[in-house]
Amino acid sequence: MSQAAAQTDDGWSRQVHALAGEAGISLVATVPDAGLTQLLRLCSDDDRFRVVTLSTEEEGVGMAYGAWLGGTRSLLCLQSSGAGNCINALALPAFTRSPCLMLVTMRGQEGEGNPAQFPMGRAVRAVFEAMGVVVMEAMTKEEVPVLFGQAADLAFGEGKACAVLVAQQVIGVKDFAK
């Protein structure tokens, strides 16, 4: 985990981990990111969860649908730069009205050191909403578990695709100088 991510988590990963367990989530699909390291480690160390590493984010949308058909609740964890990989796949939960719960760590926001992250960072919300995803933005560490709980209730209670965007100011910026 990057130094910045380690310093800025302040417990939100533990809270999301607990809420995921309470929501009955047992499958976590991910393309790992430094901002998600603590949450993914907690899930990996917990027998209630199976963590599956994906080669591309769109696989996670299909995995969420297949899991749902099999009676399993899932969570897709990704970085905003991978959101574009999900666009076509997000037609599936929109068409089938099946849950697709996503936790997205943002890049391309204030403090970003990699200019290649800016275009997708600006587009994530609009792209997701265009595909019928309910988007909630956590701008503070306190908002992450609150919005995650709301998104999980909406996803699993109403069969919605929901994404909680965790602002870059919450996860910290990556230091490319090292």
N, C-alpha and C. Protein backbone atom coordinates (compact mmCIF):
# COMPACT_ATOMS: atom_id res chain seq x y z
N MET A 1 0.86 -1.17 0.00
CA MET A 1 0.00 0.00 0.00
C MET A 1 0.90 1.23 0.00
N SER A 2 0.48 2.25 -0.73
CA SER A 2 1.27 3.47 -0.75
C SER A 2 1.24 4.15 0.61
N GLN A 3 2.26 4.93 0.86
CA GLN A 3 2.34 5.66 2.12
C GLN A 3 1.11 6.54 2.32
N ALA A 4 0.70 7.24 1.26
CA ALA A 4 -0.45 8.13 1.36
C ALA A 4 -1.72 7.36 1.69
N ALA A 5 -1.92 6.23 1.03
CA ALA A 5 -3.13 5.44 1.29
C ALA A 5 -3.15 4.93 2.72
N ALA A 6 -2.00 4.49 3.21
CA ALA A 6 -1.92 3.99 4.58
C ALA A 6 -2.26 5.08 5.59
N GLN A 7 -1.86 6.31 5.29
CA GLN A 7 -2.08 7.40 6.21
C GLN A 7 -3.51 7.93 6.19
N THR A 8 -4.22 7.74 5.08
CA THR A 8 -5.53 8.36 4.96
C THR A 8 -6.70 7.41 5.16
N ASP A 9 -6.47 6.12 5.36
CA ASP A 9 -7.58 5.18 5.50
C ASP A 9 -8.38 5.49 6.75
N ASP A 10 -7.75 5.67 7.87
CA ASP A 10 -8.41 6.05 9.12
C ASP A 10 -9.61 5.18 9.49
N GLY A 11 -9.56 3.92 9.14
CA GLY A 11 -10.58 2.98 9.59
C GLY A 11 -11.75 2.75 8.67
N TRP A 12 -11.87 3.49 7.58
CA TRP A 12 -13.04 3.28 6.73
C TRP A 12 -13.05 1.88 6.12
N SER A 13 -11.89 1.31 5.86
CA SER A 13 -11.84 -0.05 5.31
C SER A 13 -12.42 -1.06 6.29
N ARG A 14 -12.10 -0.91 7.56
CA ARG A 14 -12.66 -1.81 8.57
C ARG A 14 -14.17 -1.69 8.63
N GLN A 15 -14.67 -0.49 8.54
CA GLN A 15 -16.11 -0.27 8.58
C GLN A 15 -16.80 -0.86 7.35
N VAL A 16 -16.21 -0.67 6.18
CA VAL A 16 -16.78 -1.23 4.95
C VAL A 16 -16.73 -2.75 5.00
N HIS A 17 -15.62 -3.30 5.50
CA HIS A 17 -15.49 -4.76 5.65
C HIS A 17 -16.62 -5.29 6.53
N ALA A 18 -16.87 -4.64 7.65
CA ALA A 18 -17.93 -5.08 8.56
C ALA A 18 -19.30 -4.98 7.89
N LEU A 19 -19.54 -3.88 7.20
CA LEU A 19 -20.82 -3.69 6.52
C LEU A 19 -21.01 -4.71 5.40
N ALA A 20 -19.94 -5.05 4.70
CA ALA A 20 -20.03 -6.06 3.63
C ALA A 20 -20.45 -7.41 4.23
N GLY A 21 -19.87 -7.75 5.35
CA GLY A 21 -20.26 -8.99 6.02
C GLY A 21 -21.72 -8.96 6.46
N GLU A 22 -22.14 -7.83 7.04
CA GLU A 22 -23.53 -7.69 7.49
C GLU A 22 -24.51 -7.75 6.31
N ALA A 23 -24.07 -7.29 5.14
CA ALA A 23 -24.92 -7.30 3.95
C ALA A 23 -24.98 -8.67 3.28
N GLY A 24 -24.21 -9.62 3.80
CA GLY A 24 -24.22 -10.96 3.23
C GLY A 24 -23.34 -11.12 2.01
N ILE A 25 -22.45 -10.18 1.77
CA ILE A 25 -21.52 -10.28 0.65
C ILE A 25 -20.50 -11.36 0.97
N SER A 26 -20.27 -12.25 0.03
CA SER A 26 -19.28 -13.30 0.26
C SER A 26 -18.25 -13.38 -0.87
N LEU A 27 -18.46 -12.65 -1.95
CA LEU A 27 -17.53 -12.64 -3.07
C LEU A 27 -17.07 -11.22 -3.31
N VAL A 28 -15.75 -11.02 -3.35
CA VAL A 28 -15.18 -9.71 -3.66
C VAL A 28 -14.31 -9.89 -4.89
N ALA A 29 -14.70 -9.23 -5.97
CA ALA A 29 -13.94 -9.27 -7.22
C ALA A 29 -13.19 -7.96 -7.35
N THR A 30 -11.94 -8.02 -7.80
CA THR A 30 -11.15 -6.79 -7.82
C THR A 30 -10.03 -6.82 -8.85
N VAL A 31 -9.73 -5.64 -9.35
CA VAL A 31 -8.43 -5.35 -9.94
C VAL A 31 -7.80 -4.48 -8.87
N PRO A 32 -6.83 -5.01 -8.12
CA PRO A 32 -6.31 -4.33 -6.93
C PRO A 32 -5.77 -2.93 -7.20
N ASP A 33 -5.88 -2.10 -6.19
CA ASP A 33 -5.40 -0.72 -6.20
C ASP A 33 -4.89 -0.40 -4.81
N ALA A 34 -3.89 0.46 -4.73
CA ALA A 34 -3.30 0.80 -3.43
C ALA A 34 -4.34 1.31 -2.44
N GLY A 35 -5.31 2.09 -2.91
CA GLY A 35 -6.33 2.63 -2.03
C GLY A 35 -7.27 1.58 -1.47
N LEU A 36 -7.28 0.40 -2.07
CA LEU A 36 -8.15 -0.70 -1.63
C LEU A 36 -7.40 -1.76 -0.84
N THR A 37 -6.09 -1.63 -0.70
CA THR A 37 -5.26 -2.67 -0.12
C THR A 37 -5.74 -3.12 1.25
N GLN A 38 -6.03 -2.20 2.13
CA GLN A 38 -6.44 -2.58 3.48
C GLN A 38 -7.76 -3.33 3.46
N LEU A 39 -8.74 -2.86 2.69
CA LEU A 39 -10.02 -3.54 2.60
C LEU A 39 -9.85 -4.94 2.01
N LEU A 40 -9.09 -5.06 0.95
CA LEU A 40 -8.89 -6.37 0.32
C LEU A 40 -8.15 -7.33 1.25
N ARG A 41 -7.22 -6.82 2.02
CA ARG A 41 -6.50 -7.66 2.99
C ARG A 41 -7.46 -8.17 4.07
N LEU A 42 -8.32 -7.28 4.56
CA LEU A 42 -9.30 -7.69 5.57
C LEU A 42 -10.23 -8.77 5.02
N CYS A 43 -10.68 -8.60 3.80
CA CYS A 43 -11.57 -9.59 3.19
C CYS A 43 -10.83 -10.91 2.94
N SER A 44 -9.60 -10.84 2.49
CA SER A 44 -8.81 -12.05 2.23
C SER A 44 -8.57 -12.85 3.50
N ASP A 45 -8.41 -12.15 4.62
CA ASP A 45 -8.14 -12.80 5.90
C ASP A 45 -9.40 -13.28 6.61
N ASP A 46 -10.56 -13.04 6.02
CA ASP A 46 -11.84 -13.38 6.63
C ASP A 46 -12.47 -14.53 5.86
N ASP A 47 -12.74 -15.63 6.53
CA ASP A 47 -13.29 -16.82 5.88
C ASP A 47 -14.67 -16.61 5.26
N ARG A 48 -15.34 -15.53 5.61
CA ARG A 48 -16.66 -15.26 5.03
C ARG A 48 -16.57 -14.80 3.58
N PHE A 49 -15.37 -14.36 3.17
CA PHE A 49 -15.21 -13.77 1.85
C PHE A 49 -14.25 -14.58 0.98
N ARG A 50 -14.55 -14.59 -0.29
CA ARG A 50 -13.62 -15.11 -1.30
C ARG A 50 -13.25 -13.92 -2.16
N VAL A 51 -11.95 -13.62 -2.24
CA VAL A 51 -11.47 -12.51 -3.03
C VAL A 51 -10.91 -13.07 -4.34
N VAL A 52 -11.41 -12.56 -5.45
CA VAL A 52 -10.99 -13.01 -6.77
C VAL A 52 -10.34 -11.84 -7.49
N THR A 53 -9.11 -12.02 -7.92
CA THR A 53 -8.40 -10.99 -8.67
C THR A 53 -8.72 -11.16 -10.15
N LEU A 54 -9.16 -10.08 -10.76
CA LEU A 54 -9.58 -10.07 -12.15
C LEU A 54 -8.46 -9.59 -13.07
N SER A 55 -8.54 -9.94 -14.33
CA SER A 55 -7.58 -9.39 -15.29
C SER A 55 -8.10 -8.09 -15.88
N THR A 56 -9.41 -7.87 -15.84
CA THR A 56 -10.01 -6.62 -16.28
C THR A 56 -11.33 -6.41 -15.51
N GLU A 57 -11.65 -5.16 -15.29
CA GLU A 57 -12.79 -4.82 -14.45
C GLU A 57 -14.12 -5.33 -14.99
N GLU A 58 -14.26 -5.38 -16.30
CA GLU A 58 -15.54 -5.82 -16.86
C GLU A 58 -15.87 -7.26 -16.46
N GLU A 59 -14.86 -8.08 -16.21
CA GLU A 59 -15.11 -9.44 -15.72
C GLU A 59 -15.89 -9.42 -14.41
N GLY A 60 -15.64 -8.41 -13.60
CA GLY A 60 -16.31 -8.30 -12.31
C GLY A 60 -17.80 -8.06 -12.44
N VAL A 61 -18.22 -7.35 -13.49
CA VAL A 61 -19.65 -7.12 -13.70
C VAL A 61 -20.32 -8.45 -14.02
N GLY A 62 -19.72 -9.23 -14.91
CA GLY A 62 -20.26 -10.54 -15.23
C GLY A 62 -20.23 -11.48 -14.04
N MET A 63 -19.16 -11.39 -13.25
CA MET A 63 -19.05 -12.23 -12.06
C MET A 63 -20.15 -11.87 -11.05
N ALA A 64 -20.45 -10.58 -10.91
CA ALA A 64 -21.51 -10.15 -9.99
C ALA A 64 -22.85 -10.73 -10.44
N TYR A 65 -23.10 -10.71 -11.75
CA TYR A 65 -24.35 -11.24 -12.27
C TYR A 65 -24.43 -12.76 -12.06
N GLY A 66 -23.38 -13.46 -12.39
CA GLY A 66 -23.35 -14.91 -12.19
C GLY A 66 -23.49 -15.28 -10.73
N ALA A 67 -22.83 -14.53 -9.87
CA ALA A 67 -22.93 -14.79 -8.43
C ALA A 67 -24.38 -14.60 -7.98
N TRP A 68 -25.01 -13.52 -8.43
CA TRP A 68 -26.39 -13.23 -8.05
C TRP A 68 -27.32 -14.36 -8.50
N LEU A 69 -27.12 -14.84 -9.72
CA LEU A 69 -27.95 -15.95 -10.22
C LEU A 69 -27.78 -17.20 -9.35
N GLY A 70 -26.57 -17.36 -8.79
CA GLY A 70 -26.29 -18.50 -7.93
C GLY A 70 -26.60 -18.27 -6.47
N GLY A 71 -27.19 -17.14 -6.14
CA GLY A 71 -27.59 -16.87 -4.76
C GLY A 71 -26.50 -16.24 -3.90
N THR A 72 -25.48 -15.68 -4.52
CA THR A 72 -24.36 -15.08 -3.79
C THR A 72 -24.33 -13.58 -4.03
N ARG A 73 -24.06 -12.84 -2.98
CA ARG A 73 -23.89 -11.39 -3.09
C ARG A 73 -22.41 -11.06 -3.27
N SER A 74 -22.15 -10.06 -4.12
CA SER A 74 -20.75 -9.73 -4.41
C SER A 74 -20.51 -8.23 -4.37
N LEU A 75 -19.24 -7.90 -4.35
CA LEU A 75 -18.75 -6.53 -4.38
C LEU A 75 -17.63 -6.47 -5.40
N LEU A 76 -17.67 -5.47 -6.28
CA LEU A 76 -16.61 -5.23 -7.25
C LEU A 76 -15.82 -4.01 -6.78
N CYS A 77 -14.53 -4.21 -6.53
CA CYS A 77 -13.64 -3.12 -6.10
C CYS A 77 -12.69 -2.78 -7.25
N LEU A 78 -12.63 -1.51 -7.60
CA LEU A 78 -11.79 -1.09 -8.71
C LEU A 78 -11.34 0.35 -8.54
N GLN A 79 -10.41 0.74 -9.39
CA GLN A 79 -9.93 2.11 -9.45
C GLN A 79 -10.67 2.80 -10.59
N SER A 80 -10.84 4.10 -10.50
CA SER A 80 -11.59 4.84 -11.52
C SER A 80 -11.04 4.64 -12.93
N SER A 81 -9.75 4.45 -13.06
CA SER A 81 -9.17 4.27 -14.40
C SER A 81 -9.68 3.01 -15.07
N GLY A 82 -10.19 2.06 -14.30
CA GLY A 82 -10.76 0.83 -14.86
C GLY A 82 -12.25 0.91 -15.12
N ALA A 83 -12.87 2.01 -14.73
CA ALA A 83 -14.32 2.15 -14.92
C ALA A 83 -14.70 2.09 -16.40
N GLY A 84 -13.87 2.64 -17.24
CA GLY A 84 -14.16 2.62 -18.67
C GLY A 84 -14.22 1.21 -19.23
N ASN A 85 -13.49 0.30 -18.61
CA ASN A 85 -13.51 -1.09 -19.06
C ASN A 85 -14.85 -1.76 -18.80
N CYS A 86 -15.66 -1.19 -17.94
CA CYS A 86 -16.95 -1.78 -17.54
C CYS A 86 -18.13 -1.31 -18.36
N ILE A 87 -17.96 -0.32 -19.20
CA ILE A 87 -19.10 0.35 -19.83
C ILE A 87 -20.06 -0.62 -20.50
N ASN A 88 -19.60 -1.40 -21.44
CA ASN A 88 -20.49 -2.31 -22.16
C ASN A 88 -21.09 -3.36 -21.22
N ALA A 89 -20.28 -3.87 -20.30
CA ALA A 89 -20.76 -4.90 -19.39
C ALA A 89 -21.86 -4.39 -18.48
N LEU A 90 -21.86 -3.09 -18.18
CA LEU A 90 -22.88 -2.54 -17.28
C LEU A 90 -24.28 -2.54 -17.89
N ALA A 91 -24.39 -2.86 -19.16
CA ALA A 91 -25.72 -3.03 -19.75
C ALA A 91 -26.42 -4.24 -19.13
N LEU A 92 -25.65 -5.23 -18.68
CA LEU A 92 -26.24 -6.45 -18.11
C LEU A 92 -27.06 -6.17 -16.86
N PRO A 93 -26.50 -5.53 -15.82
CA PRO A 93 -27.34 -5.26 -14.65
C PRO A 93 -28.47 -4.27 -14.95
N ALA A 94 -28.25 -3.34 -15.90
CA ALA A 94 -29.31 -2.40 -16.26
C ALA A 94 -30.48 -3.14 -16.89
N PHE A 95 -30.19 -4.06 -17.79
CA PHE A 95 -31.22 -4.81 -18.51
C PHE A 95 -31.92 -5.83 -17.61
N THR A 96 -31.14 -6.52 -16.77
CA THR A 96 -31.69 -7.60 -15.95
C THR A 96 -32.18 -7.13 -14.59
N ARG A 97 -31.91 -5.88 -14.25
CA ARG A 97 -32.26 -5.32 -12.94
C ARG A 97 -31.68 -6.17 -11.81
N SER A 98 -30.41 -6.49 -11.98
CA SER A 98 -29.70 -7.28 -10.98
C SER A 98 -28.70 -6.39 -10.25
N PRO A 99 -28.37 -6.74 -9.01
CA PRO A 99 -27.45 -5.91 -8.24
C PRO A 99 -26.02 -5.97 -8.78
N CYS A 100 -25.38 -4.83 -8.76
CA CYS A 100 -23.95 -4.75 -9.08
C CYS A 100 -23.39 -3.65 -8.18
N LEU A 101 -22.81 -4.04 -7.06
CA LEU A 101 -22.29 -3.10 -6.08
C LEU A 101 -20.81 -2.88 -6.33
N MET A 102 -20.43 -1.61 -6.50
CA MET A 102 -19.03 -1.27 -6.80
C MET A 102 -18.49 -0.25 -5.80
N LEU A 103 -17.24 -0.45 -5.42
CA LEU A 103 -16.50 0.51 -4.62
C LEU A 103 -15.34 0.95 -5.48
N VAL A 104 -15.30 2.24 -5.80
CA VAL A 104 -14.36 2.77 -6.79
C VAL A 104 -13.46 3.81 -6.15
N THR A 105 -12.15 3.53 -6.11
CA THR A 105 -11.20 4.53 -5.63
C THR A 105 -10.87 5.46 -6.80
N MET A 106 -10.96 6.75 -6.54
CA MET A 106 -10.83 7.74 -7.60
C MET A 106 -9.39 8.17 -7.83
N ARG A 107 -9.10 8.42 -9.08
CA ARG A 107 -7.85 9.04 -9.53
C ARG A 107 -8.23 10.22 -10.42
N GLY A 108 -7.26 11.05 -10.72
CA GLY A 108 -7.51 12.17 -11.61
C GLY A 108 -8.20 13.35 -10.96
N GLN A 109 -8.16 13.39 -9.64
CA GLN A 109 -8.74 14.51 -8.92
C GLN A 109 -7.62 15.35 -8.32
N GLU A 110 -7.96 16.27 -7.46
CA GLU A 110 -6.98 17.18 -6.87
C GLU A 110 -5.78 16.45 -6.28
N GLY A 111 -4.59 16.88 -6.67
CA GLY A 111 -3.35 16.29 -6.17
C GLY A 111 -2.81 15.18 -7.05
N GLU A 112 -3.53 14.80 -8.10
CA GLU A 112 -3.09 13.72 -8.97
C GLU A 112 -1.77 14.08 -9.64
N GLY A 113 -0.84 13.15 -9.62
CA GLY A 113 0.46 13.36 -10.24
C GLY A 113 0.61 12.72 -11.61
N ASN A 114 -0.40 12.00 -12.06
CA ASN A 114 -0.33 11.33 -13.34
C ASN A 114 -1.41 11.90 -14.26
N PRO A 115 -1.02 12.73 -15.23
CA PRO A 115 -2.02 13.37 -16.10
C PRO A 115 -2.88 12.39 -16.89
N ALA A 116 -2.41 11.18 -17.10
CA ALA A 116 -3.20 10.19 -17.83
C ALA A 116 -4.46 9.79 -17.06
N GLN A 117 -4.51 10.08 -15.77
CA GLN A 117 -5.66 9.72 -14.94
C GLN A 117 -6.81 10.74 -15.02
N PHE A 118 -6.52 11.95 -15.51
CA PHE A 118 -7.54 13.01 -15.50
C PHE A 118 -8.76 12.72 -16.36
N PRO A 119 -8.63 12.26 -17.60
CA PRO A 119 -9.85 12.06 -18.42
C PRO A 119 -10.86 11.10 -17.79
N MET A 120 -10.43 9.93 -17.37
CA MET A 120 -11.40 8.99 -16.80
C MET A 120 -11.86 9.46 -15.43
N GLY A 121 -10.97 10.10 -14.67
CA GLY A 121 -11.37 10.64 -13.38
C GLY A 121 -12.52 11.62 -13.51
N ARG A 122 -12.50 12.42 -14.57
CA ARG A 122 -13.58 13.38 -14.80
C ARG A 122 -14.84 12.70 -15.33
N ALA A 123 -14.69 11.58 -16.02
CA ALA A 123 -15.81 10.96 -16.74
C ALA A 123 -16.56 9.88 -15.96
N VAL A 124 -15.98 9.36 -14.89
CA VAL A 124 -16.57 8.20 -14.21
C VAL A 124 -18.03 8.39 -13.87
N ARG A 125 -18.36 9.45 -13.19
CA ARG A 125 -19.75 9.66 -12.77
C ARG A 125 -20.69 9.66 -13.97
N ALA A 126 -20.37 10.45 -14.99
CA ALA A 126 -21.24 10.57 -16.16
C ALA A 126 -21.36 9.24 -16.91
N VAL A 127 -20.26 8.53 -17.03
CA VAL A 127 -20.28 7.24 -17.72
C VAL A 127 -21.14 6.24 -16.97
N PHE A 128 -20.94 6.14 -15.67
CA PHE A 128 -21.75 5.22 -14.87
C PHE A 128 -23.23 5.58 -14.94
N GLU A 129 -23.54 6.86 -14.76
CA GLU A 129 -24.95 7.27 -14.78
C GLU A 129 -25.57 7.00 -16.15
N ALA A 130 -24.81 7.19 -17.23
CA ALA A 130 -25.33 6.90 -18.57
C ALA A 130 -25.69 5.42 -18.72
N MET A 131 -25.03 4.56 -17.95
CA MET A 131 -25.31 3.12 -17.99
C MET A 131 -26.30 2.69 -16.92
N GLY A 132 -26.93 3.65 -16.24
CA GLY A 132 -27.97 3.33 -15.26
C GLY A 132 -27.46 3.03 -13.87
N VAL A 133 -26.21 3.33 -13.59
CA VAL A 133 -25.63 3.08 -12.28
C VAL A 133 -25.97 4.25 -11.35
N VAL A 134 -26.41 3.94 -10.14
CA VAL A 134 -26.62 4.95 -9.11
C VAL A 134 -25.25 5.27 -8.53
N VAL A 135 -24.87 6.54 -8.56
CA VAL A 135 -23.53 6.95 -8.11
C VAL A 135 -23.63 7.77 -6.84
N MET A 136 -22.80 7.40 -5.86
CA MET A 136 -22.69 8.14 -4.61
C MET A 136 -21.22 8.48 -4.42
N GLU A 137 -20.94 9.72 -4.05
CA GLU A 137 -19.56 10.17 -3.90
C GLU A 137 -19.20 10.40 -2.45
N ALA A 138 -18.20 9.69 -1.96
CA ALA A 138 -17.70 9.87 -0.60
C ALA A 138 -16.52 10.84 -0.66
N MET A 139 -16.73 12.02 -0.15
CA MET A 139 -15.69 13.05 -0.16
C MET A 139 -14.87 13.06 1.12
N THR A 140 -15.35 12.37 2.17
CA THR A 140 -14.62 12.27 3.43
C THR A 140 -14.59 10.81 3.86
N LYS A 141 -13.66 10.49 4.75
CA LYS A 141 -13.56 9.10 5.23
C LYS A 141 -14.81 8.69 6.00
N GLU A 142 -15.47 9.63 6.62
CA GLU A 142 -16.69 9.33 7.37
C GLU A 142 -17.84 8.94 6.44
N GLU A 143 -17.85 9.49 5.25
CA GLU A 143 -18.92 9.21 4.30
C GLU A 143 -18.81 7.84 3.64
N VAL A 144 -17.60 7.27 3.58
CA VAL A 144 -17.41 6.00 2.86
C VAL A 144 -18.31 4.90 3.42
N PRO A 145 -18.26 4.57 4.72
CA PRO A 145 -19.12 3.49 5.20
C PRO A 145 -20.61 3.83 5.14
N VAL A 146 -20.96 5.08 5.37
CA VAL A 146 -22.37 5.48 5.31
C VAL A 146 -22.92 5.24 3.91
N LEU A 147 -22.21 5.74 2.91
CA LEU A 147 -22.68 5.59 1.53
C LEU A 147 -22.58 4.14 1.07
N PHE A 148 -21.57 3.42 1.54
CA PHE A 148 -21.47 2.00 1.18
C PHE A 148 -22.69 1.24 1.70
N GLY A 149 -23.09 1.49 2.92
CA GLY A 149 -24.26 0.84 3.48
C GLY A 149 -25.52 1.17 2.69
N GLN A 150 -25.67 2.43 2.31
CA GLN A 150 -26.83 2.85 1.52
C GLN A 150 -26.81 2.17 0.15
N ALA A 151 -25.64 2.13 -0.47
CA ALA A 151 -25.51 1.52 -1.79
C ALA A 151 -25.79 0.02 -1.74
N ALA A 152 -25.31 -0.65 -0.70
CA ALA A 152 -25.56 -2.09 -0.55
C ALA A 152 -27.05 -2.35 -0.38
N ASP A 153 -27.73 -1.54 0.43
CA ASP A 153 -29.17 -1.69 0.62
C ASP A 153 -29.91 -1.51 -0.70
N LEU A 154 -29.53 -0.50 -1.46
CA LEU A 154 -30.18 -0.21 -2.73
C LEU A 154 -29.89 -1.31 -3.77
N ALA A 155 -28.63 -1.73 -3.84
CA ALA A 155 -28.25 -2.76 -4.81
C ALA A 155 -28.99 -4.06 -4.55
N PHE A 156 -28.91 -4.55 -3.32
CA PHE A 156 -29.49 -5.85 -3.01
C PHE A 156 -30.99 -5.79 -2.72
N GLY A 157 -31.48 -4.65 -2.28
CA GLY A 157 -32.90 -4.51 -2.00
C GLY A 157 -33.74 -4.21 -3.23
N GLU A 158 -33.14 -3.51 -4.20
CA GLU A 158 -33.91 -3.08 -5.37
C GLU A 158 -33.32 -3.55 -6.69
N GLY A 159 -32.25 -4.35 -6.64
CA GLY A 159 -31.64 -4.85 -7.87
C GLY A 159 -31.02 -3.76 -8.72
N LYS A 160 -30.30 -2.87 -8.10
CA LYS A 160 -29.69 -1.74 -8.80
C LYS A 160 -28.18 -1.92 -8.93
N ALA A 161 -27.62 -1.33 -9.95
CA ALA A 161 -26.18 -1.17 -10.03
C ALA A 161 -25.85 0.12 -9.28
N CYS A 162 -24.95 0.03 -8.31
CA CYS A 162 -24.58 1.18 -7.48
C CYS A 162 -23.08 1.27 -7.35
N ALA A 163 -22.56 2.48 -7.41
CA ALA A 163 -21.13 2.70 -7.25
C ALA A 163 -20.89 3.77 -6.19
N VAL A 164 -20.02 3.44 -5.24
CA VAL A 164 -19.56 4.43 -4.28
C VAL A 164 -18.18 4.86 -4.74
N LEU A 165 -18.06 6.14 -5.09
CA LEU A 165 -16.78 6.71 -5.53
C LEU A 165 -16.08 7.27 -4.31
N VAL A 166 -14.90 6.76 -4.02
CA VAL A 166 -14.11 7.22 -2.87
C VAL A 166 -13.12 8.25 -3.39
N ALA A 167 -13.32 9.50 -3.01
CA ALA A 167 -12.53 10.61 -3.52
C ALA A 167 -11.03 10.42 -3.27
N GLN A 168 -10.26 10.96 -4.16
CA GLN A 168 -8.81 10.87 -4.03
C GLN A 168 -8.32 11.53 -2.74
N GLN A 169 -9.01 12.54 -2.27
CA GLN A 169 -8.61 13.17 -1.02
C GLN A 169 -8.80 12.23 0.17
N VAL A 170 -9.63 11.21 0.03
CA VAL A 170 -9.83 10.22 1.09
C VAL A 170 -8.72 9.17 1.06
N ILE A 171 -8.38 8.69 -0.13
CA ILE A 171 -7.37 7.62 -0.23
C ILE A 171 -5.94 8.14 -0.31
N GLY A 172 -5.78 9.41 -0.61
CA GLY A 172 -4.45 9.98 -0.75
C GLY A 172 -3.96 9.89 -2.18
N VAL A 173 -2.90 10.60 -2.44
CA VAL A 173 -2.33 10.61 -3.79
C VAL A 173 -1.10 9.71 -3.83
N LYS A 174 -0.84 9.16 -4.99
CA LYS A 174 0.34 8.32 -5.15
C LYS A 174 1.55 9.20 -5.39
N ASP A 175 2.65 8.84 -4.74
CA ASP A 175 3.89 9.58 -4.87
C ASP A 175 4.74 8.91 -5.95
N PHE A 176 4.87 9.59 -7.09
CA PHE A 176 5.63 9.04 -8.21
C PHE A 176 7.10 9.47 -8.18
N ALA A 177 7.48 10.26 -7.17
CA ALA A 177 8.85 10.76 -7.07
C ALA A 177 9.82 9.71 -6.56
N LYS A 178 9.32 8.63 -5.96
CA LYS A 178 10.20 7.62 -5.37
C LYS A 178 10.71 6.66 -6.38
